Amino acid sequence: MRSGSRTSPIPRWNRFQQADPEDNIRGAPDLVIEVLSPSNTAVEIFEKERIGLSNGAQEFWVVDPDRRQVKVPTTDGRTVTYPADAEISFPGASQAP
């Protein structure tokens, strides 16, 4: 990643149960959410998506605040685009406390 960039993965609750004795979580989060900014490039987002999905993330959501939509590419190669008012389900969400 470029200096100063931030990635904010949101792990499913059971990932916290996989922490080591020093409270480090191992492996990819189930869900990664990337919020686009003007400095993002298509290549950068594609690379983050590739890294996340190839390392075990189930989904990688790309939030586009300008277009008010969320694109959800999944491990099976599909991409679904949701408008701002849509509800997006995630299989692990019901496991949160």
PDB file of N, CA and C in Angstrom:
ATOM      1  N   MET A   1       0.831  -1.180   0.000  1.00  0.00           N
ATOM      2  CA  MET A   1       0.000   0.000   0.000  1.00  0.00           C
ATOM      3  C   MET A   1       0.877   1.245   0.000  1.00  0.00           C
ATOM      4  N   ARG A   2       0.332   2.317  -0.526  1.00  0.00           N
ATOM      5  CA  ARG A   2       1.051   3.586  -0.505  1.00  0.00           C
ATOM      6  C   ARG A   2       1.111   4.112   0.918  1.00  0.00           C
ATOM      7  N   SER A   3       2.153   4.903   1.183  1.00  0.00           N
ATOM      8  CA  SER A   3       2.274   5.556   2.471  1.00  0.00           C
ATOM      9  C   SER A   3       1.062   6.441   2.713  1.00  0.00           C
ATOM     10  N   GLY A   4       0.498   6.342   3.897  1.00  0.00           N
ATOM     11  CA  GLY A   4      -0.649   7.172   4.241  1.00  0.00           C
ATOM     12  C   GLY A   4      -1.994   6.589   3.861  1.00  0.00           C
ATOM     13  N   SER A   5      -2.017   5.485   3.112  1.00  0.00           N
ATOM     14  CA  SER A   5      -3.307   4.893   2.758  1.00  0.00           C
ATOM     15  C   SER A   5      -3.786   4.025   3.916  1.00  0.00           C
ATOM     16  N   ARG A   6      -5.106   3.845   3.976  1.00  0.00           N
ATOM     17  CA  ARG A   6      -5.680   3.051   5.052  1.00  0.00           C
ATOM     18  C   ARG A   6      -6.613   2.003   4.470  1.00  0.00           C
ATOM     19  N   THR A   7      -6.529   0.812   5.014  1.00  0.00           N
ATOM     20  CA  THR A   7      -7.464  -0.240   4.684  1.00  0.00           C
ATOM     21  C   THR A   7      -8.149  -0.634   5.973  1.00  0.00           C
ATOM     22  N   SER A   8      -9.459  -0.753   5.966  1.00  0.00           N
ATOM     23  CA  SER A   8     -10.207  -1.026   7.182  1.00  0.00           C
ATOM     24  C   SER A   8     -11.025  -2.295   7.044  1.00  0.00           C
ATOM     25  N   PRO A   9     -10.378  -3.469   7.147  1.00  0.00           N
ATOM     26  CA  PRO A   9     -11.154  -4.701   7.082  1.00  0.00           C
ATOM     27  C   PRO A   9     -12.021  -4.862   8.319  1.00  0.00           C
ATOM     28  N   ILE A  10     -13.196  -5.442   8.154  1.00  0.00           N
ATOM     29  CA  ILE A  10     -14.107  -5.670   9.271  1.00  0.00           C
ATOM     30  C   ILE A  10     -14.235  -7.182   9.456  1.00  0.00           C
ATOM     31  N   PRO A  11     -13.630  -7.741  10.493  1.00  0.00           N
ATOM     32  CA  PRO A  11     -13.696  -9.189  10.682  1.00  0.00           C
ATOM     33  C   PRO A  11     -15.020  -9.637  11.283  1.00  0.00           C
ATOM     34  N   ARG A  12     -15.432 -10.827  10.929  1.00  0.00           N
ATOM     35  CA  ARG A  12     -16.610 -11.427  11.539  1.00  0.00           C
ATOM     36  C   ARG A  12     -16.260 -11.759  12.986  1.00  0.00           C
ATOM     37  N   TRP A  13     -17.254 -11.809  13.861  1.00  0.00           N
ATOM     38  CA  TRP A  13     -17.027 -11.993  15.289  1.00  0.00           C
ATOM     39  C   TRP A  13     -16.159 -13.209  15.599  1.00  0.00           C
ATOM     40  N   ASN A  14     -16.351 -14.345  14.933  1.00  0.00           N
ATOM     41  CA  ASN A  14     -15.588 -15.534  15.303  1.00  0.00           C
ATOM     42  C   ASN A  14     -14.108 -15.390  14.994  1.00  0.00           C
ATOM     43  N   ARG A  15     -13.721 -14.416  14.182  1.00  0.00           N
ATOM     44  CA  ARG A  15     -12.299 -14.160  13.949  1.00  0.00           C
ATOM     45  C   ARG A  15     -11.613 -13.753  15.246  1.00  0.00           C
ATOM     46  N   PHE A  16     -12.330 -13.074  16.140  1.00  0.00           N
ATOM     47  CA  PHE A  16     -11.729 -12.673  17.399  1.00  0.00           C
ATOM     48  C   PHE A  16     -11.420 -13.890  18.267  1.00  0.00           C
ATOM     49  N   GLN A  17     -12.152 -14.954  18.073  1.00  0.00           N
ATOM     50  CA  GLN A  17     -11.884 -16.171  18.815  1.00  0.00           C
ATOM     51  C   GLN A  17     -10.657 -16.897  18.272  1.00  0.00           C
ATOM     52  N   GLN A  18     -10.149 -16.474  17.118  1.00  0.00           N
ATOM     53  CA  GLN A  18      -8.966 -17.081  16.532  1.00  0.00           C
ATOM     54  C   GLN A  18      -7.702 -16.294  16.863  1.00  0.00           C
ATOM     55  N   ALA A  19      -7.790 -15.347  17.788  1.00  0.00           N
ATOM     56  CA  ALA A  19      -6.637 -14.529  18.151  1.00  0.00           C
ATOM     57  C   ALA A  19      -5.617 -15.371  18.907  1.00  0.00           C
ATOM     58  N   ASP A  20      -4.338 -15.023  18.718  1.00  0.00           N
ATOM     59  CA  ASP A  20      -3.282 -15.702  19.462  1.00  0.00           C
ATOM     60  C   ASP A  20      -3.173 -15.086  20.858  1.00  0.00           C
ATOM     61  N   PRO A  21      -2.288 -15.607  21.721  1.00  0.00           N
ATOM     62  CA  PRO A  21      -2.187 -15.096  23.091  1.00  0.00           C
ATOM     63  C   PRO A  21      -1.874 -13.596  23.184  1.00  0.00           C
ATOM     64  N   GLU A  22      -1.324 -13.010  22.142  1.00  0.00           N
ATOM     65  CA  GLU A  22      -1.007 -11.577  22.157  1.00  0.00           C
ATOM     66  C   GLU A  22      -2.115 -10.754  21.501  1.00  0.00           C
ATOM     67  N   ASP A  23      -3.283 -11.373  21.266  1.00  0.00           N
ATOM     68  CA  ASP A  23      -4.448 -10.720  20.665  1.00  0.00           C
ATOM     69  C   ASP A  23      -4.246 -10.323  19.214  1.00  0.00           C
ATOM     70  N   ASN A  24      -3.374 -11.018  18.494  1.00  0.00           N
ATOM     71  CA  ASN A  24      -3.212 -10.800  17.063  1.00  0.00           C
ATOM     72  C   ASN A  24      -4.134 -11.751  16.323  1.00  0.00           C
ATOM     73  N   ILE A  25      -4.871 -11.229  15.367  1.00  0.00           N
ATOM     74  CA  ILE A  25      -5.783 -12.048  14.579  1.00  0.00           C
ATOM     75  C   ILE A  25      -5.025 -12.526  13.347  1.00  0.00           C
ATOM     76  N   ARG A  26      -5.083 -13.816  13.082  1.00  0.00           N
ATOM     77  CA  ARG A  26      -4.371 -14.413  11.959  1.00  0.00           C
ATOM     78  C   ARG A  26      -5.316 -14.633  10.792  1.00  0.00           C
ATOM     79  N   GLY A  27      -4.819 -14.479   9.580  1.00  0.00           N
ATOM     80  CA  GLY A  27      -5.605 -14.757   8.388  1.00  0.00           C
ATOM     81  C   GLY A  27      -6.359 -13.542   7.893  1.00  0.00           C
ATOM     82  N   ALA A  28      -7.057 -13.741   6.794  1.00  0.00           N
ATOM     83  CA  ALA A  28      -7.820 -12.661   6.165  1.00  0.00           C
ATOM     84  C   ALA A  28      -9.153 -12.481   6.865  1.00  0.00           C
ATOM     85  N   PRO A  29      -9.681 -11.263   6.895  1.00  0.00           N
ATOM     86  CA  PRO A  29     -11.038 -11.082   7.416  1.00  0.00           C
ATOM     87  C   PRO A  29     -12.032 -11.692   6.436  1.00  0.00           C
ATOM     88  N   ASP A  30     -13.215 -12.029   6.908  1.00  0.00           N
ATOM     89  CA  ASP A  30     -14.250 -12.564   6.027  1.00  0.00           C
ATOM     90  C   ASP A  30     -14.756 -11.491   5.071  1.00  0.00           C
ATOM     91  N   LEU A  31     -14.794 -10.257   5.534  1.00  0.00           N
ATOM     92  CA  LEU A  31     -15.335  -9.151   4.752  1.00  0.00           C
ATOM     93  C   LEU A  31     -14.347  -7.993   4.769  1.00  0.00           C
ATOM     94  N   VAL A  32     -14.019  -7.476   3.580  1.00  0.00           N
ATOM     95  CA  VAL A  32     -13.185  -6.279   3.454  1.00  0.00           C
ATOM     96  C   VAL A  32     -14.036  -5.205   2.799  1.00  0.00           C
ATOM     97  N   ILE A  33     -14.039  -4.002   3.378  1.00  0.00           N
ATOM     98  CA  ILE A  33     -14.778  -2.879   2.809  1.00  0.00           C
ATOM     99  C   ILE A  33     -13.770  -1.794   2.459  1.00  0.00           C
ATOM    100  N   GLU A  34     -13.731  -1.420   1.199  1.00  0.00           N
ATOM    101  CA  GLU A  34     -12.841  -0.371   0.705  1.00  0.00           C
ATOM    102  C   GLU A  34     -13.710   0.795   0.254  1.00  0.00           C
ATOM    103  N   VAL A  35     -13.483   1.976   0.833  1.00  0.00           N
ATOM    104  CA  VAL A  35     -14.209   3.177   0.443  1.00  0.00           C
ATOM    105  C   VAL A  35     -13.330   3.957  -0.528  1.00  0.00           C
ATOM    106  N   LEU A  36     -13.850   4.177  -1.733  1.00  0.00           N
ATOM    107  CA  LEU A  36     -13.072   4.872  -2.757  1.00  0.00           C
ATOM    108  C   LEU A  36     -12.843   6.327  -2.383  1.00  0.00           C
ATOM    109  N   SER A  37     -11.673   6.818  -2.783  1.00  0.00           N
ATOM    110  CA  SER A  37     -11.356   8.236  -2.644  1.00  0.00           C
ATOM    111  C   SER A  37     -10.768   8.690  -3.973  1.00  0.00           C
ATOM    112  N   PRO A  38     -10.668   9.999  -4.194  1.00  0.00           N
ATOM    113  CA  PRO A  38     -10.147  10.490  -5.470  1.00  0.00           C
ATOM    114  C   PRO A  38      -8.735   9.989  -5.792  1.00  0.00           C
ATOM    115  N   SER A  39      -7.962   9.648  -4.778  1.00  0.00           N
ATOM    116  CA  SER A  39      -6.592   9.194  -5.032  1.00  0.00           C
ATOM    117  C   SER A  39      -6.497   7.725  -5.444  1.00  0.00           C
ATOM    118  N   ASN A  40      -7.587   6.945  -5.303  1.00  0.00           N
ATOM    119  CA  ASN A  40      -7.560   5.532  -5.690  1.00  0.00           C
ATOM    120  C   ASN A  40      -7.490   5.376  -7.196  1.00  0.00           C
ATOM    121  N   THR A  41      -6.752   4.353  -7.632  1.00  0.00           N
ATOM    122  CA  THR A  41      -6.728   3.992  -9.046  1.00  0.00           C
ATOM    123  C   THR A  41      -7.438   2.660  -9.207  1.00  0.00           C
ATOM    124  N   ALA A  42      -7.901   2.390 -10.418  1.00  0.00           N
ATOM    125  CA  ALA A  42      -8.563   1.108 -10.690  1.00  0.00           C
ATOM    126  C   ALA A  42      -7.603  -0.048 -10.429  1.00  0.00           C
ATOM    127  N   VAL A  43      -6.344   0.118 -10.806  1.00  0.00           N
ATOM    128  CA  VAL A  43      -5.341  -0.933 -10.594  1.00  0.00           C
ATOM    129  C   VAL A  43      -5.156  -1.204  -9.104  1.00  0.00           C
ATOM    130  N   GLU A  44      -5.105  -0.151  -8.308  1.00  0.00           N
ATOM    131  CA  GLU A  44      -4.941  -0.298  -6.860  1.00  0.00           C
ATOM    132  C   GLU A  44      -6.110  -1.068  -6.247  1.00  0.00           C
ATOM    133  N   ILE A  45      -7.334  -0.710  -6.623  1.00  0.00           N
ATOM    134  CA  ILE A  45      -8.510  -1.387  -6.072  1.00  0.00           C
ATOM    135  C   ILE A  45      -8.544  -2.839  -6.531  1.00  0.00           C
ATOM    136  N   PHE A  46      -8.244  -3.095  -7.803  1.00  0.00           N
ATOM    137  CA  PHE A  46      -8.221  -4.461  -8.310  1.00  0.00           C
ATOM    138  C   PHE A  46      -7.188  -5.288  -7.546  1.00  0.00           C
ATOM    139  N   GLU A  47      -6.021  -4.720  -7.276  1.00  0.00           N
ATOM    140  CA  GLU A  47      -4.966  -5.443  -6.560  1.00  0.00           C
ATOM    141  C   GLU A  47      -5.390  -5.740  -5.120  1.00  0.00           C
ATOM    142  N   LYS A  48      -6.008  -4.786  -4.447  1.00  0.00           N
ATOM    143  CA  LYS A  48      -6.495  -5.030  -3.082  1.00  0.00           C
ATOM    144  C   LYS A  48      -7.560  -6.122  -3.080  1.00  0.00           C
ATOM    145  N   GLU A  49      -8.449  -6.064  -4.066  1.00  0.00           N
ATOM    146  CA  GLU A  49      -9.486  -7.100  -4.192  1.00  0.00           C
ATOM    147  C   GLU A  49      -8.854  -8.469  -4.413  1.00  0.00           C
ATOM    148  N   ARG A  50      -7.914  -8.545  -5.326  1.00  0.00           N
ATOM    149  CA  ARG A  50      -7.244  -9.813  -5.632  1.00  0.00           C
ATOM    150  C   ARG A  50      -6.552 -10.371  -4.387  1.00  0.00           C
ATOM    151  N   ILE A  51      -5.837  -9.518  -3.673  1.00  0.00           N
ATOM    152  CA  ILE A  51      -5.127  -9.955  -2.467  1.00  0.00           C
ATOM    153  C   ILE A  51      -6.115 -10.441  -1.420  1.00  0.00           C
ATOM    154  N   GLY A  52      -7.172  -9.664  -1.184  1.00  0.00           N
ATOM    155  CA  GLY A  52      -8.149 -10.047  -0.165  1.00  0.00           C
ATOM    156  C   GLY A  52      -8.835 -11.358  -0.473  1.00  0.00           C
ATOM    157  N   LEU A  53      -9.382 -11.485  -1.683  1.00  0.00           N
ATOM    158  CA  LEU A  53     -10.119 -12.695  -2.043  1.00  0.00           C
ATOM    159  C   LEU A  53      -9.213 -13.915  -2.162  1.00  0.00           C
ATOM    160  N   SER A  54      -7.997 -13.731  -2.660  1.00  0.00           N
ATOM    161  CA  SER A  54      -7.102 -14.887  -2.806  1.00  0.00           C
ATOM    162  C   SER A  54      -6.519 -15.347  -1.474  1.00  0.00           C
ATOM    163  N   ASN A  55      -6.637 -14.519  -0.440  1.00  0.00           N
ATOM    164  CA  ASN A  55      -6.109 -14.888   0.877  1.00  0.00           C
ATOM    165  C   ASN A  55      -7.192 -15.288   1.861  1.00  0.00           C
ATOM    166  N   GLY A  56      -8.414 -15.486   1.382  1.00  0.00           N
ATOM    167  CA  GLY A  56      -9.440 -16.047   2.244  1.00  0.00           C
ATOM    168  C   GLY A  56     -10.619 -15.161   2.581  1.00  0.00           C
ATOM    169  N   ALA A  57     -10.601 -13.896   2.193  1.00  0.00           N
ATOM    170  CA  ALA A  57     -11.781 -13.063   2.431  1.00  0.00           C
ATOM    171  C   ALA A  57     -12.936 -13.618   1.598  1.00  0.00           C
ATOM    172  N   GLN A  58     -14.127 -13.649   2.172  1.00  0.00           N
ATOM    173  CA  GLN A  58     -15.292 -14.150   1.429  1.00  0.00           C
ATOM    174  C   GLN A  58     -15.822 -13.107   0.463  1.00  0.00           C
ATOM    175  N   GLU A  59     -15.772 -11.838   0.870  1.00  0.00           N
ATOM    176  CA  GLU A  59     -16.277 -10.758   0.030  1.00  0.00           C
ATOM    177  C   GLU A  59     -15.408  -9.526   0.195  1.00  0.00           C
ATOM    178  N   PHE A  60     -15.401  -8.702  -0.863  1.00  0.00           N
ATOM    179  CA  PHE A  60     -14.646  -7.453  -0.882  1.00  0.00           C
ATOM    180  C   PHE A  60     -15.593  -6.391  -1.413  1.00  0.00           C
ATOM    181  N   TRP A  61     -16.070  -5.514  -0.542  1.00  0.00           N
ATOM    182  CA  TRP A  61     -17.031  -4.499  -0.938  1.00  0.00           C
ATOM    183  C   TRP A  61     -16.295  -3.223  -1.308  1.00  0.00           C
ATOM    184  N   VAL A  62     -16.656  -2.630  -2.436  1.00  0.00           N
ATOM    185  CA  VAL A  62     -16.081  -1.365  -2.875  1.00  0.00           C
ATOM    186  C   VAL A  62     -17.186  -0.313  -2.825  1.00  0.00           C
ATOM    187  N   VAL A  63     -17.059   0.615  -1.875  1.00  0.00           N
ATOM    188  CA  VAL A  63     -18.050   1.663  -1.687  1.00  0.00           C
ATOM    189  C   VAL A  63     -17.631   2.879  -2.505  1.00  0.00           C
ATOM    190  N   ASP A  64     -18.526   3.331  -3.370  1.00  0.00           N
ATOM    191  CA  ASP A  64     -18.274   4.518  -4.189  1.00  0.00           C
ATOM    192  C   ASP A  64     -19.223   5.619  -3.716  1.00  0.00           C
ATOM    193  N   PRO A  65     -18.721   6.533  -2.851  1.00  0.00           N
ATOM    194  CA  PRO A  65     -19.606   7.573  -2.315  1.00  0.00           C
ATOM    195  C   PRO A  65     -20.126   8.540  -3.386  1.00  0.00           C
ATOM    196  N   ASP A  66     -19.345   8.777  -4.436  1.00  0.00           N
ATOM    197  CA  ASP A  66     -19.779   9.686  -5.491  1.00  0.00           C
ATOM    198  C   ASP A  66     -20.957   9.111  -6.280  1.00  0.00           C
ATOM    199  N   ARG A  67     -20.905   7.827  -6.575  1.00  0.00           N
ATOM    200  CA  ARG A  67     -21.994   7.175  -7.327  1.00  0.00           C
ATOM    201  C   ARG A  67     -23.076   6.627  -6.408  1.00  0.00           C
ATOM    202  N   ARG A  68     -22.831   6.691  -5.108  1.00  0.00           N
ATOM    203  CA  ARG A  68     -23.770   6.194  -4.095  1.00  0.00           C
ATOM    204  C   ARG A  68     -24.145   4.743  -4.374  1.00  0.00           C
ATOM    205  N   GLN A  69     -23.095   3.912  -4.497  1.00  0.00           N
ATOM    206  CA  GLN A  69     -23.305   2.491  -4.749  1.00  0.00           C
ATOM    207  C   GLN A  69     -22.183   1.676  -4.121  1.00  0.00           C
ATOM    208  N   VAL A  70     -22.457   0.383  -3.996  1.00  0.00           N
ATOM    209  CA  VAL A  70     -21.482  -0.562  -3.471  1.00  0.00           C
ATOM    210  C   VAL A  70     -21.352  -1.693  -4.472  1.00  0.00           C
ATOM    211  N   LYS A  71     -20.127  -1.994  -4.879  1.00  0.00           N
ATOM    212  CA  LYS A  71     -19.874  -3.128  -5.767  1.00  0.00           C
ATOM    213  C   LYS A  71     -19.317  -4.257  -4.919  1.00  0.00           C
ATOM    214  N   VAL A  72     -19.870  -5.444  -5.142  1.00  0.00           N
ATOM    215  CA  VAL A  72     -19.473  -6.605  -4.363  1.00  0.00           C
ATOM    216  C   VAL A  72     -18.983  -7.704  -5.297  1.00  0.00           C
ATOM    217  N   PRO A  73     -17.667  -7.739  -5.576  1.00  0.00           N
ATOM    218  CA  PRO A  73     -17.107  -8.870  -6.313  1.00  0.00           C
ATOM    219  C   PRO A  73     -16.924 -10.029  -5.335  1.00  0.00           C
ATOM    220  N   THR A  74     -17.254 -11.241  -5.748  1.00  0.00           N
ATOM    221  CA  THR A  74     -17.164 -12.392  -4.860  1.00  0.00           C
ATOM    222  C   THR A  74     -16.158 -13.410  -5.382  1.00  0.00           C
ATOM    223  N   THR A  75     -15.858 -14.388  -4.558  1.00  0.00           N
ATOM    224  CA  THR A  75     -14.850 -15.390  -4.910  1.00  0.00           C
ATOM    225  C   THR A  75     -15.228 -16.218  -6.135  1.00  0.00           C
ATOM    226  N   ASP A  76     -16.511 -16.248  -6.493  1.00  0.00           N
ATOM    227  CA  ASP A  76     -16.920 -17.032  -7.666  1.00  0.00           C
ATOM    228  C   ASP A  76     -16.863 -16.222  -8.960  1.00  0.00           C
ATOM    229  N   GLY A  77     -16.292 -14.996  -8.911  1.00  0.00           N
ATOM    230  CA  GLY A  77     -16.082 -14.211 -10.113  1.00  0.00           C
ATOM    231  C   GLY A  77     -17.204 -13.268 -10.497  1.00  0.00           C
ATOM    232  N   ARG A  78     -18.285 -13.257  -9.735  1.00  0.00           N
ATOM    233  CA  ARG A  78     -19.392 -12.343 -10.041  1.00  0.00           C
ATOM    234  C   ARG A  78     -19.137 -10.984  -9.390  1.00  0.00           C
ATOM    235  N   THR A  79     -19.780  -9.951  -9.913  1.00  0.00           N
ATOM    236  CA  THR A  79     -19.807  -8.644  -9.266  1.00  0.00           C
ATOM    237  C   THR A  79     -21.243  -8.164  -9.260  1.00  0.00           C
ATOM    238  N   VAL A  80     -21.720  -7.816  -8.070  1.00  0.00           N
ATOM    239  CA  VAL A  80     -23.076  -7.314  -7.909  1.00  0.00           C
ATOM    240  C   VAL A  80     -22.971  -5.856  -7.475  1.00  0.00           C
ATOM    241  N   THR A  81     -23.745  -4.957  -8.100  1.00  0.00           N
ATOM    242  CA  THR A  81     -23.747  -3.548  -7.737  1.00  0.00           C
ATOM    243  C   THR A  81     -25.051  -3.217  -7.027  1.00  0.00           C
ATOM    244  N   TYR A  82     -24.926  -2.625  -5.828  1.00  0.00           N
ATOM    245  CA  TYR A  82     -26.082  -2.266  -5.019  1.00  0.00           C
ATOM    246  C   TYR A  82     -26.209  -0.744  -4.942  1.00  0.00           C
ATOM    247  N   PRO A  83     -27.418  -0.198  -5.095  1.00  0.00           N
ATOM    248  CA  PRO A  83     -27.613   1.243  -4.901  1.00  0.00           C
ATOM    249  C   PRO A  83     -27.544   1.573  -3.407  1.00  0.00           C
ATOM    250  N   ALA A  84     -27.421   2.866  -3.101  1.00  0.00           N
ATOM    251  CA  ALA A  84     -27.247   3.315  -1.718  1.00  0.00           C
ATOM    252  C   ALA A  84     -28.368   2.858  -0.789  1.00  0.00           C
ATOM    253  N   ASP A  85     -29.579   2.713  -1.289  1.00  0.00           N
ATOM    254  CA  ASP A  85     -30.702   2.360  -0.415  1.00  0.00           C
ATOM    255  C   ASP A  85     -30.938   0.851  -0.297  1.00  0.00           C
ATOM    256  N   ALA A  86     -30.068   0.056  -0.897  1.00  0.00           N
ATOM    257  CA  ALA A  86     -30.236  -1.406  -0.846  1.00  0.00           C
ATOM    258  C   ALA A  86     -29.653  -1.977   0.445  1.00  0.00           C
ATOM    259  N   GLU A  87     -30.218  -3.081   0.864  1.00  0.00           N
ATOM    260  CA  GLU A  87     -29.686  -3.820   1.998  1.00  0.00           C
ATOM    261  C   GLU A  87     -28.792  -4.922   1.450  1.00  0.00           C
ATOM    262  N   ILE A  88     -27.571  -5.005   1.960  1.00  0.00           N
ATOM    263  CA  ILE A  88     -26.626  -6.018   1.488  1.00  0.00           C
ATOM    264  C   ILE A  88     -26.461  -7.047   2.590  1.00  0.00           C
ATOM    265  N   SER A  89     -26.720  -8.295   2.269  1.00  0.00           N
ATOM    266  CA  SER A  89     -26.559  -9.335   3.282  1.00  0.00           C
ATOM    267  C   SER A  89     -25.147  -9.902   3.203  1.00  0.00           C
ATOM    268  N   PHE A  90     -24.650 -10.289   4.349  1.00  0.00           N
ATOM    269  CA  PHE A  90     -23.352 -10.947   4.449  1.00  0.00           C
ATOM    270  C   PHE A  90     -23.532 -12.167   5.322  1.00  0.00           C
ATOM    271  N   PRO A  91     -23.104 -13.333   4.862  1.00  0.00           N
ATOM    272  CA  PRO A  91     -23.363 -14.571   5.590  1.00  0.00           C
ATOM    273  C   PRO A  91     -22.924 -14.560   7.045  1.00  0.00           C
ATOM    274  N   GLY A  92     -21.837 -13.899   7.397  1.00  0.00           N
ATOM    275  CA  GLY A  92     -21.331 -13.911   8.764  1.00  0.00           C
ATOM    276  C   GLY A  92     -21.935 -12.872   9.676  1.00  0.00           C
ATOM    277  N   ALA A  93     -22.750 -11.971   9.158  1.00  0.00           N
ATOM    278  CA  ALA A  93     -23.258 -10.857   9.969  1.00  0.00           C
ATOM    279  C   ALA A  93     -24.100 -11.305  11.136  1.00  0.00           C
ATOM    280  N   SER A  94     -24.825 -12.378  10.989  1.00  0.00           N
ATOM    281  CA  SER A  94     -25.709 -12.819  12.076  1.00  0.00           C
ATOM    282  C   SER A  94     -24.934 -13.418  13.233  1.00  0.00           C
ATOM    283  N   GLN A  95     -23.631 -13.641  13.084  1.00  0.00           N
ATOM    284  CA  GLN A  95     -22.849 -14.245  14.148  1.00  0.00           C
ATOM    285  C   GLN A  95     -22.269 -13.213  15.106  1.00  0.00           C
ATOM    286  N   ALA A  96     -22.434 -11.938  14.822  1.00  0.00           N
ATOM    287  CA  ALA A  96     -21.898 -10.902  15.714  1.00  0.00           C
ATOM    288  C   ALA A  96     -22.678 -10.901  17.012  1.00  0.00           C
ATOM    289  N   PRO A  97     -22.023 -10.537  18.121  1.00  0.00           N
ATOM    290  CA  PRO A  97     -22.721 -10.542  19.410  1.00  0.00           C
ATOM    291  C   PRO A  97     -23.754  -9.452  19.506  1.00  0.00           C
TER     292      PRO A  97
END
